Amino acid sequence: MALTLAACGAGGTAPAGGAGSAPRATSLTVFAAASLTGTFTELGRRFEARHPGTRVRFNFGSSATLAQQIAEGAPADVFAAASPATMKTVQDASLAKSPAVFARNTLEIAVPADNPAGIAALADLARSGVKVALCAEQVPCGAAAARALSAAGLKVTPVTLEQDVKATLTKVELGEVDAALVYRTDVIASGKVRGITFPEAGEAANDYPITVLSRSPAPDLARRFVDLVLSGEGGDVLTKAGFQRP
C-alpha cells in the first residue's frame, strides 16, 4: 500500500485496474515560461479535451526559477523554457530528454497607451527622468534586454528589476514606469499597453525549447503534449499570439 500511495502522490497517476495493470496518468504537470501563459493554457484545454480524465497542471514563472526548481527535484513532466540557457540548467542535471525548439520571441518597448514620456525608440529609454522596468538579467527576458541594449550601445538604469516578464509588464500597466522591455507576445496579450518595435530586437531574439523530463511518471502522456506543441496546430496557436516559428 505504501508503494501504491507513493506512486499516486509522485505524479498524479492512479492504477487503472487490478494488480499488475499499468497505471493510467490522470495528471500532467507542465513547467513553462511566464510568457507562455496564454498559449499553453489554450493548448492545455485542447489536450484535456482529447484525453478525457487527464488534467494538465501548469506552473508558469521565470524560466530560470523553474529550471532551478526542477534541478532540485520539483516533480514535473514537461519543461518549456524561454531560452536554451535556462534549459541547459535542466540538461546539466541530466533531467532533459532531447529538447526541441518550438517558437521564437522578440522584444518590444511597452509603454502606457497614452505614452506620456513620448517614447519612440530604444535610445529614449536612456533619457534622463525616464522610468524603465527591466527583467532581471538572470532570466531570459532580462538577458535579451541586455543583448539589445548592448547592440544599440546604450546604458539604461532601470528603476526596477523584475523576476519574470509578466511582473515587468505589470509595472507599465499600472503606470508605475514609462516603459519596459518585454516580449512582443506579452504586449499583444495585455491589450492595455502600446508596443514599439526597434531594430536591435533582432539581435536579442529568444528561442524556446521544450522537453519531456527524465523523471516524468507519465512520459508517454508528456510526449503527446510536447507533440501537440510542436505540431502545426500548436504552431498556429503560438503565431496567433505573436510568436515566430523557429
C-alpha atoms as a PDB file:
ATOM      1  CA  MET A   1       0.000   0.000   0.000  1.00  0.00           C
ATOM      2  CA  ALA A   2       2.823   2.398   0.778  1.00  0.00           C
ATOM      3  CA  LEU A   3       4.235   1.885  -2.705  1.00  0.00           C
ATOM      4  CA  THR A   4       0.849   2.487  -4.294  1.00  0.00           C
ATOM      5  CA  LEU A   5       0.302   5.706  -2.365  1.00  0.00           C
ATOM      6  CA  ALA A   6       3.782   6.929  -3.211  1.00  0.00           C
ATOM      7  CA  ALA A   7       3.193   6.320  -6.916  1.00  0.00           C
ATOM      8  CA  CYS A   8      -0.091   8.222  -6.835  1.00  0.00           C
ATOM      9  CA  GLY A   9       1.412  11.175  -4.993  1.00  0.00           C
ATOM     10  CA  ALA A  10       4.508  11.478  -7.115  1.00  0.00           C
ATOM     11  CA  GLY A  11       2.947  12.137 -10.483  1.00  0.00           C
ATOM     12  CA  GLY A  12      -0.810  12.275 -10.351  1.00  0.00           C
ATOM     13  CA  THR A  13      -1.112   8.635 -11.501  1.00  0.00           C
ATOM     14  CA  ALA A  14      -3.550   6.051 -10.306  1.00  0.00           C
ATOM     15  CA  PRO A  15      -3.987   2.340 -11.024  1.00  0.00           C
ATOM     16  CA  ALA A  16      -6.326   1.663 -13.953  1.00  0.00           C
ATOM     17  CA  GLY A  17      -7.168  -1.841 -12.800  1.00  0.00           C
ATOM     18  CA  GLY A  18      -6.088  -4.650 -10.544  1.00  0.00           C
ATOM     19  CA  ALA A  19      -2.664  -5.893  -9.593  1.00  0.00           C
ATOM     20  CA  GLY A  20      -0.164  -5.950 -12.411  1.00  0.00           C
ATOM     21  CA  SER A  21      -2.045  -3.462 -14.612  1.00  0.00           C
ATOM     22  CA  ALA A  22      -0.266  -0.397 -15.950  1.00  0.00           C
ATOM     23  CA  PRO A  23      -1.107   2.882 -14.206  1.00  0.00           C
ATOM     24  CA  ARG A  24      -3.131   5.446 -16.139  1.00  0.00           C
ATOM     25  CA  ALA A  25      -1.957   9.036 -15.792  1.00  0.00           C
ATOM     26  CA  THR A  26      -4.682  11.447 -14.731  1.00  0.00           C
ATOM     27  CA  SER A  27      -2.470  14.492 -14.226  1.00  0.00           C
ATOM     28  CA  LEU A  28       0.261  16.103 -16.308  1.00  0.00           C
ATOM     29  CA  THR A  29       2.470  18.792 -14.765  1.00  0.00           C
ATOM     30  CA  VAL A  30       3.964  21.344 -17.148  1.00  0.00           C
ATOM     31  CA  PHE A  31       6.515  23.930 -16.028  1.00  0.00           C
ATOM     32  CA  ALA A  32       6.526  26.778 -18.556  1.00  0.00           C
ATOM     33  CA  ALA A  33       7.908  30.275 -19.012  1.00  0.00           C
ATOM     34  CA  ALA A  34       5.568  33.071 -17.906  1.00  0.00           C
ATOM     35  CA  SER A  35       5.363  34.375 -21.479  1.00  0.00           C
ATOM     36  CA  LEU A  36       3.649  31.110 -22.477  1.00  0.00           C
ATOM     37  CA  THR A  37       0.735  31.540 -20.087  1.00  0.00           C
ATOM     38  CA  GLY A  38      -1.951  32.312 -22.661  1.00  0.00           C
ATOM     39  CA  THR A  39      -0.850  29.934 -25.403  1.00  0.00           C
ATOM     40  CA  PHE A  40      -0.144  26.960 -23.168  1.00  0.00           C
ATOM     41  CA  THR A  41      -3.392  27.422 -21.255  1.00  0.00           C
ATOM     42  CA  GLU A  42      -5.198  27.160 -24.601  1.00  0.00           C
ATOM     43  CA  LEU A  43      -3.170  24.125 -25.669  1.00  0.00           C
ATOM     44  CA  GLY A  44      -3.820  22.553 -22.274  1.00  0.00           C
ATOM     45  CA  ARG A  45      -7.577  22.872 -22.797  1.00  0.00           C
ATOM     46  CA  ARG A  46      -7.299  21.211 -26.188  1.00  0.00           C
ATOM     47  CA  PHE A  47      -5.130  18.444 -24.778  1.00  0.00           C
ATOM     48  CA  GLU A  48      -7.591  17.710 -21.967  1.00  0.00           C
ATOM     49  CA  ALA A  49     -10.469  17.553 -24.450  1.00  0.00           C
ATOM     50  CA  ARG A  50      -8.616  14.865 -26.401  1.00  0.00           C
ATOM     51  CA  HIS A  51      -7.546  12.917 -23.319  1.00  0.00           C
ATOM     52  CA  PRO A  52     -10.660  12.561 -21.129  1.00  0.00           C
ATOM     53  CA  GLY A  53      -9.804  12.172 -17.465  1.00  0.00           C
ATOM     54  CA  THR A  54      -6.448  13.919 -17.814  1.00  0.00           C
ATOM     55  CA  ARG A  55      -5.823  17.288 -16.202  1.00  0.00           C
ATOM     56  CA  VAL A  56      -2.930  19.481 -17.279  1.00  0.00           C
ATOM     57  CA  ARG A  57      -1.495  21.438 -14.365  1.00  0.00           C
ATOM     58  CA  PHE A  58       0.703  24.409 -15.196  1.00  0.00           C
ATOM     59  CA  ASN A  59       3.401  26.154 -13.211  1.00  0.00           C
ATOM     60  CA  PHE A  60       4.179  29.422 -15.027  1.00  0.00           C
ATOM     61  CA  GLY A  61       7.060  31.632 -13.964  1.00  0.00           C
ATOM     62  CA  SER A  62      10.607  32.720 -14.613  1.00  0.00           C
ATOM     63  CA  SER A  63      12.380  30.076 -16.703  1.00  0.00           C
ATOM     64  CA  ALA A  64      15.475  30.410 -14.521  1.00  0.00           C
ATOM     65  CA  THR A  65      13.471  29.800 -11.354  1.00  0.00           C
ATOM     66  CA  LEU A  66      11.562  26.880 -12.863  1.00  0.00           C
ATOM     67  CA  ALA A  67      14.766  25.271 -14.131  1.00  0.00           C
ATOM     68  CA  GLN A  68      16.318  25.514 -10.689  1.00  0.00           C
ATOM     69  CA  GLN A  69      13.208  24.010  -9.088  1.00  0.00           C
ATOM     70  CA  ILE A  70      13.314  21.081 -11.498  1.00  0.00           C
ATOM     71  CA  ALA A  71      17.035  20.550 -10.898  1.00  0.00           C
ATOM     72  CA  GLU A  72      16.321  20.493  -7.160  1.00  0.00           C
ATOM     73  CA  GLY A  73      13.702  17.768  -7.555  1.00  0.00           C
ATOM     74  CA  ALA A  74      10.378  19.513  -8.127  1.00  0.00           C
ATOM     75  CA  PRO A  75       8.019  16.983  -9.744  1.00  0.00           C
ATOM     76  CA  ALA A  76       7.163  17.822 -13.351  1.00  0.00           C
ATOM     77  CA  ASP A  77       6.561  16.056 -16.645  1.00  0.00           C
ATOM     78  CA  VAL A  78       7.347  18.758 -19.215  1.00  0.00           C
ATOM     79  CA  PHE A  79       9.511  21.864 -19.202  1.00  0.00           C
ATOM     80  CA  ALA A  80       9.145  24.695 -21.737  1.00  0.00           C
ATOM     81  CA  ALA A  81      11.782  27.400 -21.306  1.00  0.00           C
ATOM     82  CA  ALA A  82      12.178  30.877 -22.763  1.00  0.00           C
ATOM     83  CA  SER A  83      15.828  30.291 -23.659  1.00  0.00           C
ATOM     84  CA  PRO A  84      18.299  27.474 -24.327  1.00  0.00           C
ATOM     85  CA  ALA A  85      20.441  28.804 -21.468  1.00  0.00           C
ATOM     86  CA  THR A  86      17.758  28.075 -18.869  1.00  0.00           C
ATOM     87  CA  MET A  87      17.049  24.687 -20.441  1.00  0.00           C
ATOM     88  CA  LYS A  88      20.758  23.897 -20.039  1.00  0.00           C
ATOM     89  CA  THR A  89      20.328  24.014 -16.253  1.00  0.00           C
ATOM     90  CA  VAL A  90      17.984  21.036 -16.571  1.00  0.00           C
ATOM     91  CA  GLN A  91      20.177  19.299 -19.145  1.00  0.00           C
ATOM     92  CA  ASP A  92      23.222  19.651 -16.897  1.00  0.00           C
ATOM     93  CA  ALA A  93      21.239  17.866 -14.189  1.00  0.00           C
ATOM     94  CA  SER A  94      20.566  15.018 -16.682  1.00  0.00           C
ATOM     95  CA  LEU A  95      16.820  15.685 -16.476  1.00  0.00           C
ATOM     96  CA  ALA A  96      16.038  16.770 -20.041  1.00  0.00           C
ATOM     97  CA  LYS A  97      15.251  14.413 -22.891  1.00  0.00           C
ATOM     98  CA  SER A  98      16.203  15.891 -26.281  1.00  0.00           C
ATOM     99  CA  PRO A  99      14.836  19.466 -26.048  1.00  0.00           C
ATOM    100  CA  ALA A 100      13.310  20.807 -29.272  1.00  0.00           C
ATOM    101  CA  VAL A 101      12.879  24.488 -30.165  1.00  0.00           C
ATOM    102  CA  PHE A 102       9.218  25.244 -30.846  1.00  0.00           C
ATOM    103  CA  ALA A 103       8.996  29.060 -31.009  1.00  0.00           C
ATOM    104  CA  ARG A 104      10.932  32.299 -31.115  1.00  0.00           C
ATOM    105  CA  ASN A 105      10.094  35.568 -29.370  1.00  0.00           C
ATOM    106  CA  THR A 106      11.346  39.123 -29.798  1.00  0.00           C
ATOM    107  CA  LEU A 107      11.299  42.199 -27.597  1.00  0.00           C
ATOM    108  CA  GLU A 108       9.236  45.351 -27.896  1.00  0.00           C
ATOM    109  CA  ILE A 109       9.181  48.539 -25.853  1.00  0.00           C
ATOM    110  CA  ALA A 110       5.949  48.517 -23.865  1.00  0.00           C
ATOM    111  CA  VAL A 111       4.552  51.938 -22.962  1.00  0.00           C
ATOM    112  CA  PRO A 112       1.243  53.107 -21.462  1.00  0.00           C
ATOM    113  CA  ALA A 113      -1.495  53.668 -24.022  1.00  0.00           C
ATOM    114  CA  ASP A 114      -1.065  57.462 -23.874  1.00  0.00           C
ATOM    115  CA  ASN A 115       2.769  57.177 -23.824  1.00  0.00           C
ATOM    116  CA  PRO A 116       3.247  60.218 -21.556  1.00  0.00           C
ATOM    117  CA  ALA A 117       7.051  60.103 -21.811  1.00  0.00           C
ATOM    118  CA  GLY A 118       6.927  60.244 -25.609  1.00  0.00           C
ATOM    119  CA  ILE A 119       8.976  57.084 -26.096  1.00  0.00           C
ATOM    120  CA  ALA A 120       9.634  56.449 -29.795  1.00  0.00           C
ATOM    121  CA  ALA A 121      12.880  54.478 -29.939  1.00  0.00           C
ATOM    122  CA  LEU A 122      15.194  52.384 -27.790  1.00  0.00           C
ATOM    123  CA  ALA A 123      17.507  55.371 -27.220  1.00  0.00           C
ATOM    124  CA  ASP A 124      14.675  57.166 -25.407  1.00  0.00           C
ATOM    125  CA  LEU A 125      14.981  54.680 -22.546  1.00  0.00           C
ATOM    126  CA  ALA A 126      18.347  56.207 -21.700  1.00  0.00           C
ATOM    127  CA  ARG A 127      16.959  59.752 -21.379  1.00  0.00           C
ATOM    128  CA  SER A 128      17.181  61.421 -18.002  1.00  0.00           C
ATOM    129  CA  GLY A 129      13.977  61.111 -15.996  1.00  0.00           C
ATOM    130  CA  VAL A 130      12.526  58.194 -17.999  1.00  0.00           C
ATOM    131  CA  LYS A 131      11.456  55.405 -15.642  1.00  0.00           C
ATOM    132  CA  VAL A 132      12.185  51.974 -17.091  1.00  0.00           C
ATOM    133  CA  ALA A 133      11.381  48.460 -15.883  1.00  0.00           C
ATOM    134  CA  LEU A 134      13.517  45.530 -16.992  1.00  0.00           C
ATOM    135  CA  CYS A 135      13.569  41.836 -16.232  1.00  0.00           C
ATOM    136  CA  ALA A 136      16.462  40.750 -14.046  1.00  0.00           C
ATOM    137  CA  GLU A 137      19.390  39.750 -16.255  1.00  0.00           C
ATOM    138  CA  GLN A 138      19.472  36.159 -15.000  1.00  0.00           C
ATOM    139  CA  VAL A 139      16.050  35.474 -16.543  1.00  0.00           C
ATOM    140  CA  PRO A 140      15.590  35.153 -20.333  1.00  0.00           C
ATOM    141  CA  CYS A 141      13.734  38.423 -20.923  1.00  0.00           C
ATOM    142  CA  GLY A 142      16.413  40.270 -18.959  1.00  0.00           C
ATOM    143  CA  ALA A 143      19.247  38.589 -20.839  1.00  0.00           C
ATOM    144  CA  ALA A 144      17.529  39.504 -24.129  1.00  0.00           C
ATOM    145  CA  ALA A 145      17.133  43.119 -22.998  1.00  0.00           C
ATOM    146  CA  ALA A 146      20.820  43.273 -22.099  1.00  0.00           C
ATOM    147  CA  ARG A 147      21.766  41.997 -25.568  1.00  0.00           C
ATOM    148  CA  ALA A 148      19.501  44.530 -27.281  1.00  0.00           C
ATOM    149  CA  LEU A 149      20.839  47.451 -25.267  1.00  0.00           C
ATOM    150  CA  SER A 150      24.406  46.339 -25.862  1.00  0.00           C
ATOM    151  CA  ALA A 151      23.754  46.109 -29.609  1.00  0.00           C
ATOM    152  CA  ALA A 152      22.468  49.681 -29.507  1.00  0.00           C
ATOM    153  CA  GLY A 153      25.393  50.884 -27.399  1.00  0.00           C
ATOM    154  CA  LEU A 154      23.040  52.115 -24.688  1.00  0.00           C
ATOM    155  CA  LYS A 155      23.259  52.138 -20.904  1.00  0.00           C
ATOM    156  CA  VAL A 156      19.868  52.167 -19.219  1.00  0.00           C
ATOM    157  CA  THR A 157      19.442  52.289 -15.453  1.00  0.00           C
ATOM    158  CA  PRO A 158      16.087  50.715 -14.581  1.00  0.00           C
ATOM    159  CA  VAL A 159      14.051  51.789 -11.600  1.00  0.00           C
ATOM    160  CA  THR A 160      13.077  48.159 -11.030  1.00  0.00           C
ATOM    161  CA  LEU A 161      14.282  44.688 -11.990  1.00  0.00           C
ATOM    162  CA  GLU A 162      11.570  42.024 -12.035  1.00  0.00           C
ATOM    163  CA  GLN A 163      11.824  38.242 -11.868  1.00  0.00           C
ATOM    164  CA  ASP A 164       9.683  37.500 -14.928  1.00  0.00           C
ATOM    165  CA  VAL A 165       8.218  39.245 -17.950  1.00  0.00           C
ATOM    166  CA  LYS A 166       4.656  39.379 -16.593  1.00  0.00           C
ATOM    167  CA  ALA A 167       5.767  41.279 -13.494  1.00  0.00           C
ATOM    168  CA  THR A 168       7.795  43.650 -15.674  1.00  0.00           C
ATOM    169  CA  LEU A 169       4.839  44.389 -17.930  1.00  0.00           C
ATOM    170  CA  THR A 170       2.573  44.958 -14.935  1.00  0.00           C
ATOM    171  CA  LYS A 171       4.703  47.971 -13.970  1.00  0.00           C
ATOM    172  CA  VAL A 172       3.699  49.592 -17.274  1.00  0.00           C
ATOM    173  CA  GLU A 173       0.055  48.574 -16.984  1.00  0.00           C
ATOM    174  CA  LEU A 174      -0.142  50.196 -13.541  1.00  0.00           C
ATOM    175  CA  GLY A 175       1.559  53.371 -14.760  1.00  0.00           C
ATOM    176  CA  GLU A 176       4.472  52.923 -12.367  1.00  0.00           C
ATOM    177  CA  VAL A 177       7.052  53.236 -15.152  1.00  0.00           C
ATOM    178  CA  ASP A 178       7.242  54.977 -18.517  1.00  0.00           C
ATOM    179  CA  ALA A 179       8.436  51.926 -20.428  1.00  0.00           C
ATOM    180  CA  ALA A 180       9.626  48.352 -20.199  1.00  0.00           C
ATOM    181  CA  LEU A 181      11.389  45.897 -22.453  1.00  0.00           C
ATOM    182  CA  VAL A 182       9.153  42.830 -22.726  1.00  0.00           C
ATOM    183  CA  TYR A 183       8.240  40.208 -25.278  1.00  0.00           C
ATOM    184  CA  ARG A 184       6.050  41.140 -28.222  1.00  0.00           C
ATOM    185  CA  THR A 185       3.659  38.360 -27.214  1.00  0.00           C
ATOM    186  CA  ASP A 186       3.085  39.924 -23.804  1.00  0.00           C
ATOM    187  CA  VAL A 187       2.303  43.310 -25.362  1.00  0.00           C
ATOM    188  CA  ILE A 188      -0.300  41.625 -27.582  1.00  0.00           C
ATOM    189  CA  ALA A 189      -1.788  39.646 -24.698  1.00  0.00           C
ATOM    190  CA  SER A 190      -2.025  42.683 -22.425  1.00  0.00           C
ATOM    191  CA  GLY A 191      -4.345  44.833 -24.503  1.00  0.00           C
ATOM    192  CA  LYS A 192      -3.543  47.688 -22.098  1.00  0.00           C
ATOM    193  CA  VAL A 193      -0.216  48.917 -23.442  1.00  0.00           C
ATOM    194  CA  ARG A 194       1.329  50.010 -26.707  1.00  0.00           C
ATOM    195  CA  GLY A 195       4.235  48.165 -28.268  1.00  0.00           C
ATOM    196  CA  ILE A 196       7.066  49.962 -30.043  1.00  0.00           C
ATOM    197  CA  THR A 197       9.351  47.934 -32.279  1.00  0.00           C
ATOM    198  CA  PHE A 198      13.060  48.668 -32.596  1.00  0.00           C
ATOM    199  CA  PRO A 199      15.776  47.326 -34.925  1.00  0.00           C
ATOM    200  CA  GLU A 200      18.017  45.950 -32.194  1.00  0.00           C
ATOM    201  CA  ALA A 201      15.309  43.464 -31.182  1.00  0.00           C
ATOM    202  CA  GLY A 202      16.588  41.236 -33.950  1.00  0.00           C
ATOM    203  CA  GLU A 203      19.859  40.894 -32.043  1.00  0.00           C
ATOM    204  CA  ALA A 204      18.050  39.581 -28.989  1.00  0.00           C
ATOM    205  CA  ALA A 205      15.503  37.028 -30.192  1.00  0.00           C
ATOM    206  CA  ASN A 206      14.940  34.128 -27.784  1.00  0.00           C
ATOM    207  CA  ASP A 207      14.411  30.527 -28.897  1.00  0.00           C
ATOM    208  CA  TYR A 208      12.012  28.489 -26.755  1.00  0.00           C
ATOM    209  CA  PRO A 209      12.895  24.801 -26.173  1.00  0.00           C
ATOM    210  CA  ILE A 210      10.579  22.135 -24.751  1.00  0.00           C
ATOM    211  CA  THR A 211      11.337  18.682 -23.360  1.00  0.00           C
ATOM    212  CA  VAL A 212       9.882  15.657 -21.638  1.00  0.00           C
ATOM    213  CA  LEU A 213      11.608  15.443 -18.273  1.00  0.00           C
ATOM    214  CA  SER A 214      13.538  12.304 -17.404  1.00  0.00           C
ATOM    215  CA  ARG A 215      11.730  11.824 -14.087  1.00  0.00           C
ATOM    216  CA  SER A 216       8.251  12.170 -15.567  1.00  0.00           C
ATOM    217  CA  PRO A 217       5.942   9.493 -14.153  1.00  0.00           C
ATOM    218  CA  ALA A 218       3.864   9.767 -17.347  1.00  0.00           C
ATOM    219  CA  PRO A 219       6.401  10.003 -20.186  1.00  0.00           C
ATOM    220  CA  ASP A 220       4.020   8.815 -22.913  1.00  0.00           C
ATOM    221  CA  LEU A 221       1.414  11.408 -21.990  1.00  0.00           C
ATOM    222  CA  ALA A 222       4.136  14.045 -21.658  1.00  0.00           C
ATOM    223  CA  ARG A 223       5.385  13.198 -25.159  1.00  0.00           C
ATOM    224  CA  ARG A 224       1.879  13.643 -26.539  1.00  0.00           C
ATOM    225  CA  PHE A 225       1.691  17.127 -25.030  1.00  0.00           C
ATOM    226  CA  VAL A 226       5.100  18.027 -26.464  1.00  0.00           C
ATOM    227  CA  ASP A 227       3.972  16.690 -29.844  1.00  0.00           C
ATOM    228  CA  LEU A 228       0.930  18.974 -29.707  1.00  0.00           C
ATOM    229  CA  VAL A 229       3.139  21.993 -29.019  1.00  0.00           C
ATOM    230  CA  LEU A 230       5.441  21.026 -31.913  1.00  0.00           C
ATOM    231  CA  SER A 231       2.571  20.315 -34.308  1.00  0.00           C
ATOM    232  CA  GLY A 232       1.145  22.626 -36.936  1.00  0.00           C
ATOM    233  CA  GLU A 233      -1.829  23.199 -34.658  1.00  0.00           C
ATOM    234  CA  GLY A 234       0.440  24.227 -31.805  1.00  0.00           C
ATOM    235  CA  GLY A 235       2.378  26.486 -34.142  1.00  0.00           C
ATOM    236  CA  ASP A 236      -0.832  28.192 -35.244  1.00  0.00           C
ATOM    237  CA  VAL A 237      -1.790  28.954 -31.619  1.00  0.00           C
ATOM    238  CA  LEU A 238       1.680  30.342 -30.949  1.00  0.00           C
ATOM    239  CA  THR A 239       1.928  32.508 -34.081  1.00  0.00           C
ATOM    240  CA  LYS A 240      -1.534  33.916 -33.454  1.00  0.00           C
ATOM    241  CA  ALA A 241      -0.211  35.112 -30.088  1.00  0.00           C
ATOM    242  CA  GLY A 242       2.777  36.800 -31.721  1.00  0.00           C
ATOM    243  CA  PHE A 243       5.450  34.116 -31.516  1.00  0.00           C
ATOM    244  CA  GLN A 244       7.573  33.350 -34.568  1.00  0.00           C
ATOM    245  CA  ARG A 245       8.144  29.865 -35.879  1.00  0.00           C
ATOM    246  CA  PRO A 246      11.708  28.640 -35.258  1.00  0.00           C
END
